[in-house]
Amino acid sequence: MDFDKEQLTIEKQNGRDVTVEKSNFSLQDADGKVIATAIQFPVRLSYATTIHKSQGATYEQLWCDLSSLWEPGQAYVALSRLREESGLFLLRWGHSSIKVDRQVIDFDSHLQNESVLRI
């Protein structure tokens, strides 16, 4: 939201604004002697990735924009990366976000017709 040399103002997921001030960190050797120090904002790095690169990964939380998908199965790959649905945050999506390969539709129709014939 805002920052200067001494503090950051961030907005958390719940909408609350939080001010984060710089902190001093020290690294000590086995004898307790300070061998390095750092001054930084104590925040966790966040990152983004593509749907293709996320294949095989598992996430606790996913913020996903499904508005510009072009390949069948992309929405499935993106949404199936989560451990629990409570971690899903969809930014934008629509009916055109869900693309299914024609061969999958045909195969499903074939299975549906076979199960009707067996009954």
PDB file of N, CA and C in Angstrom:
ATOM      1  N   MET A   1       0.827  -1.190   0.000  1.00  0.00           N
ATOM      2  CA  MET A   1       0.000   0.000   0.000  1.00  0.00           C
ATOM      3  C   MET A   1       0.879   1.264   0.000  1.00  0.00           C
ATOM      4  N   ASP A   2       1.920   1.262   0.893  1.00  0.00           N
ATOM      5  CA  ASP A   2       2.784   2.433   0.998  1.00  0.00           C
ATOM      6  C   ASP A   2       4.088   2.018   1.665  1.00  0.00           C
ATOM      7  N   PHE A   3       5.148   2.793   1.439  1.00  0.00           N
ATOM      8  CA  PHE A   3       6.414   2.505   2.092  1.00  0.00           C
ATOM      9  C   PHE A   3       7.288   3.750   2.132  1.00  0.00           C
ATOM     10  N   ASP A   4       8.201   3.763   3.080  1.00  0.00           N
ATOM     11  CA  ASP A   4       9.273   4.747   3.125  1.00  0.00           C
ATOM     12  C   ASP A   4      10.506   4.036   3.665  1.00  0.00           C
ATOM     13  N   LYS A   5      11.547   4.763   4.038  1.00  0.00           N
ATOM     14  CA  LYS A   5      12.801   4.139   4.466  1.00  0.00           C
ATOM     15  C   LYS A   5      12.659   3.318   5.740  1.00  0.00           C
ATOM     16  N   GLU A   6      11.697   3.657   6.577  1.00  0.00           N
ATOM     17  CA  GLU A   6      11.595   3.017   7.891  1.00  0.00           C
ATOM     18  C   GLU A   6      10.422   2.072   8.075  1.00  0.00           C
ATOM     19  N   GLN A   7       9.397   2.143   7.224  1.00  0.00           N
ATOM     20  CA  GLN A   7       8.225   1.287   7.427  1.00  0.00           C
ATOM     21  C   GLN A   7       7.477   0.996   6.136  1.00  0.00           C
ATOM     22  N   LEU A   8       6.777  -0.133   6.158  1.00  0.00           N
ATOM     23  CA  LEU A   8       5.892  -0.546   5.070  1.00  0.00           C
ATOM     24  C   LEU A   8       4.471  -0.554   5.604  1.00  0.00           C
ATOM     25  N   THR A   9       3.522  -0.226   4.757  1.00  0.00           N
ATOM     26  CA  THR A   9       2.116  -0.420   5.105  1.00  0.00           C
ATOM     27  C   THR A   9       1.574  -1.424   4.099  1.00  0.00           C
ATOM     28  N   ILE A  10       1.101  -2.556   4.629  1.00  0.00           N
ATOM     29  CA  ILE A  10       0.592  -3.615   3.760  1.00  0.00           C
ATOM     30  C   ILE A  10      -0.864  -3.894   4.095  1.00  0.00           C
ATOM     31  N   GLU A  11      -1.590  -4.397   3.109  1.00  0.00           N
ATOM     32  CA  GLU A  11      -2.972  -4.806   3.332  1.00  0.00           C
ATOM     33  C   GLU A  11      -3.013  -6.322   3.390  1.00  0.00           C
ATOM     34  N   LYS A  12      -3.524  -6.844   4.492  1.00  0.00           N
ATOM     35  CA  LYS A  12      -3.625  -8.294   4.648  1.00  0.00           C
ATOM     36  C   LYS A  12      -4.860  -8.810   3.925  1.00  0.00           C
ATOM     37  N   GLN A  13      -4.961 -10.137   3.822  1.00  0.00           N
ATOM     38  CA  GLN A  13      -6.085 -10.756   3.112  1.00  0.00           C
ATOM     39  C   GLN A  13      -7.430 -10.370   3.703  1.00  0.00           C
ATOM     40  N   ASN A  14      -7.475 -10.141   4.996  1.00  0.00           N
ATOM     41  CA  ASN A  14      -8.749  -9.799   5.628  1.00  0.00           C
ATOM     42  C   ASN A  14      -9.111  -8.324   5.456  1.00  0.00           C
ATOM     43  N   GLY A  15      -8.265  -7.570   4.699  1.00  0.00           N
ATOM     44  CA  GLY A  15      -8.546  -6.168   4.436  1.00  0.00           C
ATOM     45  C   GLY A  15      -7.928  -5.217   5.443  1.00  0.00           C
ATOM     46  N   ARG A  16      -7.332  -5.744   6.500  1.00  0.00           N
ATOM     47  CA  ARG A  16      -6.736  -4.905   7.539  1.00  0.00           C
ATOM     48  C   ARG A  16      -5.374  -4.373   7.083  1.00  0.00           C
ATOM     49  N   ASP A  17      -5.116  -3.082   7.327  1.00  0.00           N
ATOM     50  CA  ASP A  17      -3.812  -2.490   7.039  1.00  0.00           C
ATOM     51  C   ASP A  17      -2.886  -2.696   8.227  1.00  0.00           C
ATOM     52  N   VAL A  18      -1.630  -3.061   7.938  1.00  0.00           N
ATOM     53  CA  VAL A  18      -0.646  -3.309   8.986  1.00  0.00           C
ATOM     54  C   VAL A  18       0.618  -2.531   8.650  1.00  0.00           C
ATOM     55  N   THR A  19       1.206  -1.890   9.656  1.00  0.00           N
ATOM     56  CA  THR A  19       2.471  -1.191   9.475  1.00  0.00           C
ATOM     57  C   THR A  19       3.594  -2.098   9.953  1.00  0.00           C
ATOM     58  N   VAL A  20       4.589  -2.280   9.102  1.00  0.00           N
ATOM     59  CA  VAL A  20       5.733  -3.143   9.414  1.00  0.00           C
ATOM     60  C   VAL A  20       6.976  -2.266   9.470  1.00  0.00           C
ATOM     61  N   GLU A  21       7.684  -2.310  10.615  1.00  0.00           N
ATOM     62  CA  GLU A  21       8.902  -1.519  10.776  1.00  0.00           C
ATOM     63  C   GLU A  21      10.129  -2.390  10.561  1.00  0.00           C
ATOM     64  N   LYS A  22      11.252  -1.766  10.228  1.00  0.00           N
ATOM     65  CA  LYS A  22      12.501  -2.499  10.039  1.00  0.00           C
ATOM     66  C   LYS A  22      12.916  -3.181  11.336  1.00  0.00           C
ATOM     67  N   SER A  23      13.612  -4.304  11.197  1.00  0.00           N
ATOM     68  CA  SER A  23      14.134  -5.049  12.352  1.00  0.00           C
ATOM     69  C   SER A  23      15.617  -5.312  12.146  1.00  0.00           C
ATOM     70  N   ASN A  24      16.329  -5.416  13.252  1.00  0.00           N
ATOM     71  CA  ASN A  24      17.747  -5.769  13.219  1.00  0.00           C
ATOM     72  C   ASN A  24      17.889  -7.262  13.458  1.00  0.00           C
ATOM     73  N   PHE A  25      18.717  -7.912  12.660  1.00  0.00           N
ATOM     74  CA  PHE A  25      18.986  -9.337  12.803  1.00  0.00           C
ATOM     75  C   PHE A  25      20.492  -9.534  12.903  1.00  0.00           C
ATOM     76  N   SER A  26      20.897 -10.459  13.754  1.00  0.00           N
ATOM     77  CA  SER A  26      22.327 -10.745  13.915  1.00  0.00           C
ATOM     78  C   SER A  26      22.587 -12.232  13.775  1.00  0.00           C
ATOM     79  N   LEU A  27      23.731 -12.558  13.195  1.00  0.00           N
ATOM     80  CA  LEU A  27      24.192 -13.934  13.079  1.00  0.00           C
ATOM     81  C   LEU A  27      25.412 -14.068  13.986  1.00  0.00           C
ATOM     82  N   GLN A  28      25.369 -15.055  14.889  1.00  0.00           N
ATOM     83  CA  GLN A  28      26.468 -15.241  15.840  1.00  0.00           C
ATOM     84  C   GLN A  28      27.197 -16.542  15.562  1.00  0.00           C
ATOM     85  N   ASP A  29      28.479 -16.546  15.912  1.00  0.00           N
ATOM     86  CA  ASP A  29      29.237 -17.792  15.792  1.00  0.00           C
ATOM     87  C   ASP A  29      29.014 -18.642  17.039  1.00  0.00           C
ATOM     88  N   ALA A  30      29.703 -19.756  17.157  1.00  0.00           N
ATOM     89  CA  ALA A  30      29.516 -20.691  18.278  1.00  0.00           C
ATOM     90  C   ALA A  30      29.858 -20.067  19.623  1.00  0.00           C
ATOM     91  N   ASP A  31      30.712 -19.047  19.622  1.00  0.00           N
ATOM     92  CA  ASP A  31      31.100 -18.377  20.873  1.00  0.00           C
ATOM     93  C   ASP A  31      30.186 -17.209  21.220  1.00  0.00           C
ATOM     94  N   GLY A  32      29.181 -16.947  20.399  1.00  0.00           N
ATOM     95  CA  GLY A  32      28.259 -15.851  20.665  1.00  0.00           C
ATOM     96  C   GLY A  32      28.710 -14.520  20.101  1.00  0.00           C
ATOM     97  N   LYS A  33      29.791 -14.510  19.351  1.00  0.00           N
ATOM     98  CA  LYS A  33      30.303 -13.286  18.749  1.00  0.00           C
ATOM     99  C   LYS A  33      29.481 -12.974  17.482  1.00  0.00           C
ATOM    100  N   VAL A  34      29.040 -11.736  17.367  1.00  0.00           N
ATOM    101  CA  VAL A  34      28.266 -11.313  16.195  1.00  0.00           C
ATOM    102  C   VAL A  34      29.199 -11.261  14.989  1.00  0.00           C
ATOM    103  N   ILE A  35      28.851 -12.019  13.953  1.00  0.00           N
ATOM    104  CA  ILE A  35      29.692 -12.050  12.754  1.00  0.00           C
ATOM    105  C   ILE A  35      29.021 -11.371  11.556  1.00  0.00           C
ATOM    106  N   ALA A  36      27.731 -11.132  11.651  1.00  0.00           N
ATOM    107  CA  ALA A  36      27.018 -10.426  10.585  1.00  0.00           C
ATOM    108  C   ALA A  36      25.735  -9.835  11.150  1.00  0.00           C
ATOM    109  N   THR A  37      25.354  -8.704  10.604  1.00  0.00           N
ATOM    110  CA  THR A  37      24.085  -8.087  10.989  1.00  0.00           C
ATOM    111  C   THR A  37      23.360  -7.636   9.730  1.00  0.00           C
ATOM    112  N   ALA A  38      22.055  -7.544   9.855  1.00  0.00           N
ATOM    113  CA  ALA A  38      21.231  -7.061   8.748  1.00  0.00           C
ATOM    114  C   ALA A  38      20.070  -6.265   9.318  1.00  0.00           C
ATOM    115  N   ILE A  39      19.677  -5.273   8.578  1.00  0.00           N
ATOM    116  CA  ILE A  39      18.489  -4.490   8.924  1.00  0.00           C
ATOM    117  C   ILE A  39      17.540  -4.633   7.736  1.00  0.00           C
ATOM    118  N   GLN A  40      16.343  -5.157   8.018  1.00  0.00           N
ATOM    119  CA  GLN A  40      15.400  -5.393   6.921  1.00  0.00           C
ATOM    120  C   GLN A  40      13.978  -5.421   7.444  1.00  0.00           C
ATOM    121  N   PHE A  41      13.037  -5.399   6.494  1.00  0.00           N
ATOM    122  CA  PHE A  41      11.626  -5.536   6.845  1.00  0.00           C
ATOM    123  C   PHE A  41      11.331  -7.026   7.004  1.00  0.00           C
ATOM    124  N   PRO A  42      10.739  -7.445   8.114  1.00  0.00           N
ATOM    125  CA  PRO A  42      10.445  -8.877   8.329  1.00  0.00           C
ATOM    126  C   PRO A  42       9.171  -9.312   7.604  1.00  0.00           C
ATOM    127  N   VAL A  43       9.279  -9.463   6.300  1.00  0.00           N
ATOM    128  CA  VAL A  43       8.147  -9.910   5.492  1.00  0.00           C
ATOM    129  C   VAL A  43       8.552 -11.141   4.709  1.00  0.00           C
ATOM    130  N   ARG A  44       7.594 -11.964   4.387  1.00  0.00           N
ATOM    131  CA  ARG A  44       7.836 -13.184   3.625  1.00  0.00           C
ATOM    132  C   ARG A  44       7.691 -12.891   2.132  1.00  0.00           C
ATOM    133  N   LEU A  45       8.585 -13.439   1.374  1.00  0.00           N
ATOM    134  CA  LEU A  45       8.545 -13.276  -0.064  1.00  0.00           C
ATOM    135  C   LEU A  45       7.325 -13.987  -0.651  1.00  0.00           C
ATOM    136  N   SER A  46       6.673 -13.343  -1.563  1.00  0.00           N
ATOM    137  CA  SER A  46       5.559 -13.929  -2.279  1.00  0.00           C
ATOM    138  C   SER A  46       5.982 -14.076  -3.738  1.00  0.00           C
ATOM    139  N   TYR A  47       5.330 -14.948  -4.474  1.00  0.00           N
ATOM    140  CA  TYR A  47       5.746 -15.140  -5.856  1.00  0.00           C
ATOM    141  C   TYR A  47       4.569 -15.552  -6.722  1.00  0.00           C
ATOM    142  N   ALA A  48       4.802 -15.490  -7.993  1.00  0.00           N
ATOM    143  CA  ALA A  48       3.802 -15.912  -8.966  1.00  0.00           C
ATOM    144  C   ALA A  48       4.426 -16.969  -9.864  1.00  0.00           C
ATOM    145  N   THR A  49       3.578 -17.788 -10.438  1.00  0.00           N
ATOM    146  CA  THR A  49       4.049 -18.800 -11.382  1.00  0.00           C
ATOM    147  C   THR A  49       2.985 -19.003 -12.452  1.00  0.00           C
ATOM    148  N   THR A  50       3.352 -19.671 -13.504  1.00  0.00           N
ATOM    149  CA  THR A  50       2.378 -19.973 -14.545  1.00  0.00           C
ATOM    150  C   THR A  50       1.650 -21.270 -14.202  1.00  0.00           C
ATOM    151  N   ILE A  51       0.519 -21.483 -14.832  1.00  0.00           N
ATOM    152  CA  ILE A  51      -0.227 -22.718 -14.623  1.00  0.00           C
ATOM    153  C   ILE A  51       0.597 -23.913 -15.075  1.00  0.00           C
ATOM    154  N   HIS A  52       1.245 -23.788 -16.227  1.00  0.00           N
ATOM    155  CA  HIS A  52       2.047 -24.899 -16.727  1.00  0.00           C
ATOM    156  C   HIS A  52       3.173 -25.256 -15.761  1.00  0.00           C
ATOM    157  N   LYS A  53       3.833 -24.247 -15.212  1.00  0.00           N
ATOM    158  CA  LYS A  53       4.953 -24.505 -14.308  1.00  0.00           C
ATOM    159  C   LYS A  53       4.472 -25.069 -12.963  1.00  0.00           C
ATOM    160  N   SER A  54       3.218 -24.823 -12.604  1.00  0.00           N
ATOM    161  CA  SER A  54       2.707 -25.296 -11.320  1.00  0.00           C
ATOM    162  C   SER A  54       2.315 -26.772 -11.332  1.00  0.00           C
ATOM    163  N   GLN A  55       2.322 -27.415 -12.512  1.00  0.00           N
ATOM    164  CA  GLN A  55       1.940 -28.825 -12.576  1.00  0.00           C
ATOM    165  C   GLN A  55       2.801 -29.644 -11.626  1.00  0.00           C
ATOM    166  N   GLY A  56       2.146 -30.470 -10.832  1.00  0.00           N
ATOM    167  CA  GLY A  56       2.859 -31.323  -9.889  1.00  0.00           C
ATOM    168  C   GLY A  56       3.080 -30.675  -8.539  1.00  0.00           C
ATOM    169  N   ALA A  57       2.850 -29.376  -8.432  1.00  0.00           N
ATOM    170  CA  ALA A  57       3.036 -28.672  -7.156  1.00  0.00           C
ATOM    171  C   ALA A  57       1.753 -28.747  -6.328  1.00  0.00           C
ATOM    172  N   THR A  58       1.895 -28.539  -5.033  1.00  0.00           N
ATOM    173  CA  THR A  58       0.746 -28.464  -4.134  1.00  0.00           C
ATOM    174  C   THR A  58       0.868 -27.176  -3.334  1.00  0.00           C
ATOM    175  N   TYR A  59      -0.220 -26.426  -3.264  1.00  0.00           N
ATOM    176  CA  TYR A  59      -0.212 -25.143  -2.582  1.00  0.00           C
ATOM    177  C   TYR A  59      -1.263 -25.112  -1.481  1.00  0.00           C
ATOM    178  N   GLU A  60      -0.954 -24.353  -0.446  1.00  0.00           N
ATOM    179  CA  GLU A  60      -1.917 -24.117   0.635  1.00  0.00           C
ATOM    180  C   GLU A  60      -2.910 -23.035   0.225  1.00  0.00           C
ATOM    181  N   GLN A  61      -2.433 -22.099  -0.605  1.00  0.00           N
ATOM    182  CA  GLN A  61      -3.250 -20.963  -0.995  1.00  0.00           C
ATOM    183  C   GLN A  61      -2.968 -20.627  -2.453  1.00  0.00           C
ATOM    184  N   LEU A  62      -4.022 -20.217  -3.161  1.00  0.00           N
ATOM    185  CA  LEU A  62      -3.886 -19.899  -4.578  1.00  0.00           C
ATOM    186  C   LEU A  62      -4.753 -18.702  -4.916  1.00  0.00           C
ATOM    187  N   TRP A  63      -4.119 -17.673  -5.423  1.00  0.00           N
ATOM    188  CA  TRP A  63      -4.820 -16.517  -5.972  1.00  0.00           C
ATOM    189  C   TRP A  63      -4.697 -16.675  -7.477  1.00  0.00           C
ATOM    190  N   CYS A  64      -5.804 -16.875  -8.162  1.00  0.00           N
ATOM    191  CA  CYS A  64      -5.736 -17.269  -9.562  1.00  0.00           C
ATOM    192  C   CYS A  64      -6.653 -16.416 -10.432  1.00  0.00           C
ATOM    193  N   ASP A  65      -6.106 -15.970 -11.555  1.00  0.00           N
ATOM    194  CA  ASP A  65      -6.869 -15.232 -12.563  1.00  0.00           C
ATOM    195  C   ASP A  65      -7.102 -16.183 -13.733  1.00  0.00           C
ATOM    196  N   LEU A  66      -8.338 -16.617 -13.917  1.00  0.00           N
ATOM    197  CA  LEU A  66      -8.679 -17.554 -14.986  1.00  0.00           C
ATOM    198  C   LEU A  66      -9.307 -16.858 -16.191  1.00  0.00           C
ATOM    199  N   SER A  67      -9.129 -15.555 -16.310  1.00  0.00           N
ATOM    200  CA  SER A  67      -9.831 -14.802 -17.356  1.00  0.00           C
ATOM    201  C   SER A  67      -9.227 -14.951 -18.745  1.00  0.00           C
ATOM    202  N   SER A  68      -7.978 -15.370 -18.852  1.00  0.00           N
ATOM    203  CA  SER A  68      -7.333 -15.391 -20.173  1.00  0.00           C
ATOM    204  C   SER A  68      -6.761 -16.756 -20.537  1.00  0.00           C
ATOM    205  N   LEU A  69      -7.445 -17.817 -20.191  1.00  0.00           N
ATOM    206  CA  LEU A  69      -6.951 -19.151 -20.511  1.00  0.00           C
ATOM    207  C   LEU A  69      -7.201 -19.460 -21.982  1.00  0.00           C
ATOM    208  N   TRP A  70      -6.318 -20.210 -22.602  1.00  0.00           N
ATOM    209  CA  TRP A  70      -6.458 -20.518 -24.026  1.00  0.00           C
ATOM    210  C   TRP A  70      -6.361 -22.009 -24.327  1.00  0.00           C
ATOM    211  N   GLU A  71      -5.975 -22.807 -23.358  1.00  0.00           N
ATOM    212  CA  GLU A  71      -5.716 -24.223 -23.607  1.00  0.00           C
ATOM    213  C   GLU A  71      -6.689 -25.090 -22.806  1.00  0.00           C
ATOM    214  N   PRO A  72      -7.266 -26.127 -23.423  1.00  0.00           N
ATOM    215  CA  PRO A  72      -8.122 -27.037 -22.653  1.00  0.00           C
ATOM    216  C   PRO A  72      -7.367 -27.628 -21.467  1.00  0.00           C
ATOM    217  N   GLY A  73      -8.019 -27.696 -20.338  1.00  0.00           N
ATOM    218  CA  GLY A  73      -7.420 -28.301 -19.148  1.00  0.00           C
ATOM    219  C   GLY A  73      -6.653 -27.346 -18.260  1.00  0.00           C
ATOM    220  N   GLN A  74      -6.406 -26.119 -18.695  1.00  0.00           N
ATOM    221  CA  GLN A  74      -5.638 -25.196 -17.868  1.00  0.00           C
ATOM    222  C   GLN A  74      -6.342 -24.893 -16.549  1.00  0.00           C
ATOM    223  N   ALA A  75      -7.635 -24.676 -16.582  1.00  0.00           N
ATOM    224  CA  ALA A  75      -8.365 -24.371 -15.345  1.00  0.00           C
ATOM    225  C   ALA A  75      -8.258 -25.549 -14.380  1.00  0.00           C
ATOM    226  N   TYR A  76      -8.394 -26.767 -14.893  1.00  0.00           N
ATOM    227  CA  TYR A  76      -8.268 -27.952 -14.037  1.00  0.00           C
ATOM    228  C   TYR A  76      -6.889 -28.023 -13.389  1.00  0.00           C
ATOM    229  N   VAL A  77      -5.856 -27.815 -14.177  1.00  0.00           N
ATOM    230  CA  VAL A  77      -4.494 -27.877 -13.639  1.00  0.00           C
ATOM    231  C   VAL A  77      -4.326 -26.838 -12.545  1.00  0.00           C
ATOM    232  N   ALA A  78      -4.780 -25.615 -12.789  1.00  0.00           N
ATOM    233  CA  ALA A  78      -4.636 -24.548 -11.789  1.00  0.00           C
ATOM    234  C   ALA A  78      -5.396 -24.880 -10.506  1.00  0.00           C
ATOM    235  N   LEU A  79      -6.645 -25.258 -10.639  1.00  0.00           N
ATOM    236  CA  LEU A  79      -7.500 -25.451  -9.463  1.00  0.00           C
ATOM    237  C   LEU A  79      -7.170 -26.722  -8.688  1.00  0.00           C
ATOM    238  N   SER A  80      -6.551 -27.680  -9.345  1.00  0.00           N
ATOM    239  CA  SER A  80      -6.244 -28.944  -8.656  1.00  0.00           C
ATOM    240  C   SER A  80      -4.912 -28.898  -7.909  1.00  0.00           C
ATOM    241  N   ARG A  81      -4.287 -27.749  -7.826  1.00  0.00           N
ATOM    242  CA  ARG A  81      -3.015 -27.602  -7.104  1.00  0.00           C
ATOM    243  C   ARG A  81      -3.219 -27.426  -5.607  1.00  0.00           C
ATOM    244  N   LEU A  82      -4.439 -27.145  -5.175  1.00  0.00           N
ATOM    245  CA  LEU A  82      -4.713 -26.807  -3.772  1.00  0.00           C
ATOM    246  C   LEU A  82      -4.952 -28.017  -2.894  1.00  0.00           C
ATOM    247  N   ARG A  83      -4.522 -27.907  -1.648  1.00  0.00           N
ATOM    248  CA  ARG A  83      -4.831 -28.938  -0.651  1.00  0.00           C
ATOM    249  C   ARG A  83      -6.302 -28.865  -0.245  1.00  0.00           C
ATOM    250  N   GLU A  84      -6.798 -27.642  -0.023  1.00  0.00           N
ATOM    251  CA  GLU A  84      -8.176 -27.446   0.429  1.00  0.00           C
ATOM    252  C   GLU A  84      -8.797 -26.270  -0.317  1.00  0.00           C
ATOM    253  N   GLU A  85     -10.084 -26.360  -0.570  1.00  0.00           N
ATOM    254  CA  GLU A  85     -10.761 -25.304  -1.315  1.00  0.00           C
ATOM    255  C   GLU A  85     -10.787 -23.976  -0.565  1.00  0.00           C
ATOM    256  N   SER A  86     -10.623 -23.994   0.741  1.00  0.00           N
ATOM    257  CA  SER A  86     -10.643 -22.741   1.509  1.00  0.00           C
ATOM    258  C   SER A  86      -9.468 -21.833   1.151  1.00  0.00           C
ATOM    259  N   GLY A  87      -8.438 -22.379   0.527  1.00  0.00           N
ATOM    260  CA  GLY A  87      -7.286 -21.580   0.128  1.00  0.00           C
ATOM    261  C   GLY A  87      -7.401 -20.972  -1.254  1.00  0.00           C
ATOM    262  N   LEU A  88      -8.559 -21.103  -1.907  1.00  0.00           N
ATOM    263  CA  LEU A  88      -8.735 -20.619  -3.276  1.00  0.00           C
ATOM    264  C   LEU A  88      -9.315 -19.210  -3.301  1.00  0.00           C
ATOM    265  N   PHE A  89      -8.669 -18.342  -4.061  1.00  0.00           N
ATOM    266  CA  PHE A  89      -9.143 -16.984  -4.270  1.00  0.00           C
ATOM    267  C   PHE A  89      -9.126 -16.726  -5.781  1.00  0.00           C
ATOM    268  N   LEU A  90     -10.309 -16.726  -6.404  1.00  0.00           N
ATOM    269  CA  LEU A  90     -10.409 -16.475  -7.840  1.00  0.00           C
ATOM    270  C   LEU A  90     -10.544 -14.979  -8.068  1.00  0.00           C
ATOM    271  N   LEU A  91      -9.658 -14.445  -8.882  1.00  0.00           N
ATOM    272  CA  LEU A  91      -9.690 -13.018  -9.166  1.00  0.00           C
ATOM    273  C   LEU A  91     -10.683 -12.705 -10.283  1.00  0.00           C
ATOM    274  N   ARG A  92     -10.596 -13.430 -11.370  1.00  0.00           N
ATOM    275  CA  ARG A  92     -11.520 -13.242 -12.496  1.00  0.00           C
ATOM    276  C   ARG A  92     -11.716 -14.581 -13.180  1.00  0.00           C
ATOM    277  N   TRP A  93     -12.951 -14.864 -13.584  1.00  0.00           N
ATOM    278  CA  TRP A  93     -13.231 -16.065 -14.354  1.00  0.00           C
ATOM    279  C   TRP A  93     -14.605 -15.926 -14.984  1.00  0.00           C
ATOM    280  N   GLY A  94     -14.883 -16.772 -15.950  1.00  0.00           N
ATOM    281  CA  GLY A  94     -16.177 -16.800 -16.607  1.00  0.00           C
ATOM    282  C   GLY A  94     -16.360 -18.157 -17.255  1.00  0.00           C
ATOM    283  N   HIS A  95     -17.476 -18.345 -17.923  1.00  0.00           N
ATOM    284  CA  HIS A  95     -17.745 -19.629 -18.568  1.00  0.00           C
ATOM    285  C   HIS A  95     -16.676 -19.978 -19.598  1.00  0.00           C
ATOM    286  N   SER A  96     -16.101 -18.967 -20.235  1.00  0.00           N
ATOM    287  CA  SER A  96     -15.067 -19.224 -21.237  1.00  0.00           C
ATOM    288  C   SER A  96     -13.740 -19.642 -20.601  1.00  0.00           C
ATOM    289  N   SER A  97     -13.628 -19.556 -19.272  1.00  0.00           N
ATOM    290  CA  SER A  97     -12.401 -19.978 -18.592  1.00  0.00           C
ATOM    291  C   SER A  97     -12.232 -21.492 -18.589  1.00  0.00           C
ATOM    292  N   ILE A  98     -13.338 -22.215 -18.663  1.00  0.00           N
ATOM    293  CA  ILE A  98     -13.297 -23.672 -18.610  1.00  0.00           C
ATOM    294  C   ILE A  98     -13.327 -24.203 -20.040  1.00  0.00           C
ATOM    295  N   LYS A  99     -12.190 -24.678 -20.497  1.00  0.00           N
ATOM    296  CA  LYS A  99     -12.078 -25.201 -21.865  1.00  0.00           C
ATOM    297  C   LYS A  99     -11.835 -26.710 -21.800  1.00  0.00           C
ATOM    298  N   VAL A 100     -12.605 -27.456 -22.560  1.00  0.00           N
ATOM    299  CA  VAL A 100     -12.491 -28.911 -22.563  1.00  0.00           C
ATOM    300  C   VAL A 100     -12.130 -29.363 -23.971  1.00  0.00           C
ATOM    301  N   ASP A 101     -11.194 -30.281 -24.066  1.00  0.00           N
ATOM    302  CA  ASP A 101     -10.764 -30.829 -25.349  1.00  0.00           C
ATOM    303  C   ASP A 101     -11.923 -31.604 -25.983  1.00  0.00           C
ATOM    304  N   ARG A 102     -12.121 -31.449 -27.261  1.00  0.00           N
ATOM    305  CA  ARG A 102     -13.209 -32.114 -27.983  1.00  0.00           C
ATOM    306  C   ARG A 102     -13.150 -33.632 -27.816  1.00  0.00           C
ATOM    307  N   GLN A 103     -11.950 -34.215 -27.807  1.00  0.00           N
ATOM    308  CA  GLN A 103     -11.805 -35.665 -27.633  1.00  0.00           C
ATOM    309  C   GLN A 103     -12.331 -36.111 -26.269  1.00  0.00           C
ATOM    310  N   VAL A 104     -12.163 -35.299 -25.253  1.00  0.00           N
ATOM    311  CA  VAL A 104     -12.671 -35.626 -23.916  1.00  0.00           C
ATOM    312  C   VAL A 104     -14.197 -35.616 -23.924  1.00  0.00           C
ATOM    313  N   ILE A 105     -14.769 -34.623 -24.565  1.00  0.00           N
ATOM    314  CA  ILE A 105     -16.239 -34.546 -24.659  1.00  0.00           C
ATOM    315  C   ILE A 105     -16.790 -35.763 -25.401  1.00  0.00           C
ATOM    316  N   ASP A 106     -16.162 -36.118 -26.515  1.00  0.00           N
ATOM    317  CA  ASP A 106     -16.604 -37.275 -27.294  1.00  0.00           C
ATOM    318  C   ASP A 106     -16.476 -38.567 -26.486  1.00  0.00           C
ATOM    319  N   PHE A 107     -15.363 -38.722 -25.773  1.00  0.00           N
ATOM    320  CA  PHE A 107     -15.146 -39.923 -24.959  1.00  0.00           C
ATOM    321  C   PHE A 107     -16.193 -40.021 -23.859  1.00  0.00           C
ATOM    322  N   ASP A 108     -16.479 -38.897 -23.205  1.00  0.00           N
ATOM    323  CA  ASP A 108     -17.490 -38.888 -22.148  1.00  0.00           C
ATOM    324  C   ASP A 108     -18.865 -39.246 -22.719  1.00  0.00           C
ATOM    325  N   SER A 109     -19.189 -38.708 -23.876  1.00  0.00           N
ATOM    326  CA  SER A 109     -20.475 -39.044 -24.515  1.00  0.00           C
ATOM    327  C   SER A 109     -20.552 -40.531 -24.822  1.00  0.00           C
ATOM    328  N   HIS A 110     -19.465 -41.084 -25.302  1.00  0.00           N
ATOM    329  CA  HIS A 110     -19.402 -42.519 -25.601  1.00  0.00           C
ATOM    330  C   HIS A 110     -19.649 -43.339 -24.331  1.00  0.00           C
ATOM    331  N   LEU A 111     -19.019 -42.954 -23.235  1.00  0.00           N
ATOM    332  CA  LEU A 111     -19.215 -43.670 -21.965  1.00  0.00           C
ATOM    333  C   LEU A 111     -20.662 -43.552 -21.490  1.00  0.00           C
ATOM    334  N   GLN A 112     -21.229 -42.365 -21.623  1.00  0.00           N
ATOM    335  CA  GLN A 112     -22.622 -42.167 -21.208  1.00  0.00           C
ATOM    336  C   GLN A 112     -23.552 -43.062 -22.020  1.00  0.00           C
ATOM    337  N   ASN A 113     -23.324 -43.160 -23.320  1.00  0.00           N
ATOM    338  CA  ASN A 113     -24.166 -43.984 -24.194  1.00  0.00           C
ATOM    339  C   ASN A 113     -24.008 -45.469 -23.843  1.00  0.00           C
ATOM    340  N   GLU A 114     -22.781 -45.904 -23.532  1.00  0.00           N
ATOM    341  CA  GLU A 114     -22.571 -47.308 -23.157  1.00  0.00           C
ATOM    342  C   GLU A 114     -23.287 -47.649 -21.873  1.00  0.00           C
ATOM    343  N   SER A 115     -23.255 -46.752 -20.889  1.00  0.00           N
ATOM    344  CA  SER A 115     -23.890 -47.062 -19.608  1.00  0.00           C
ATOM    345  C   SER A 115     -25.410 -47.114 -19.777  1.00  0.00           C
ATOM    346  N   VAL A 116     -25.978 -46.318 -20.692  1.00  0.00           N
ATOM    347  CA  VAL A 116     -27.405 -46.350 -20.952  1.00  0.00           C
ATOM    348  C   VAL A 116     -27.783 -47.673 -21.594  1.00  0.00           C
ATOM    349  N   LEU A 117     -26.963 -48.182 -22.503  1.00  0.00           N
ATOM    350  CA  LEU A 117     -27.248 -49.442 -23.180  1.00  0.00           C
ATOM    351  C   LEU A 117     -27.171 -50.635 -22.219  1.00  0.00           C
ATOM    352  N   ARG A 118     -26.313 -50.571 -21.223  1.00  0.00           N
ATOM    353  CA  ARG A 118     -26.142 -51.683 -20.276  1.00  0.00           C
ATOM    354  C   ARG A 118     -27.292 -51.778 -19.283  1.00  0.00           C
ATOM    355  N   ILE A 119     -27.975 -50.725 -19.031  1.00  0.00           N
ATOM    356  CA  ILE A 119     -29.061 -50.731 -18.032  1.00  0.00           C
ATOM    357  C   ILE A 119     -30.221 -51.394 -18.619  1.00  0.00           C
TER     358      ILE A 119
END
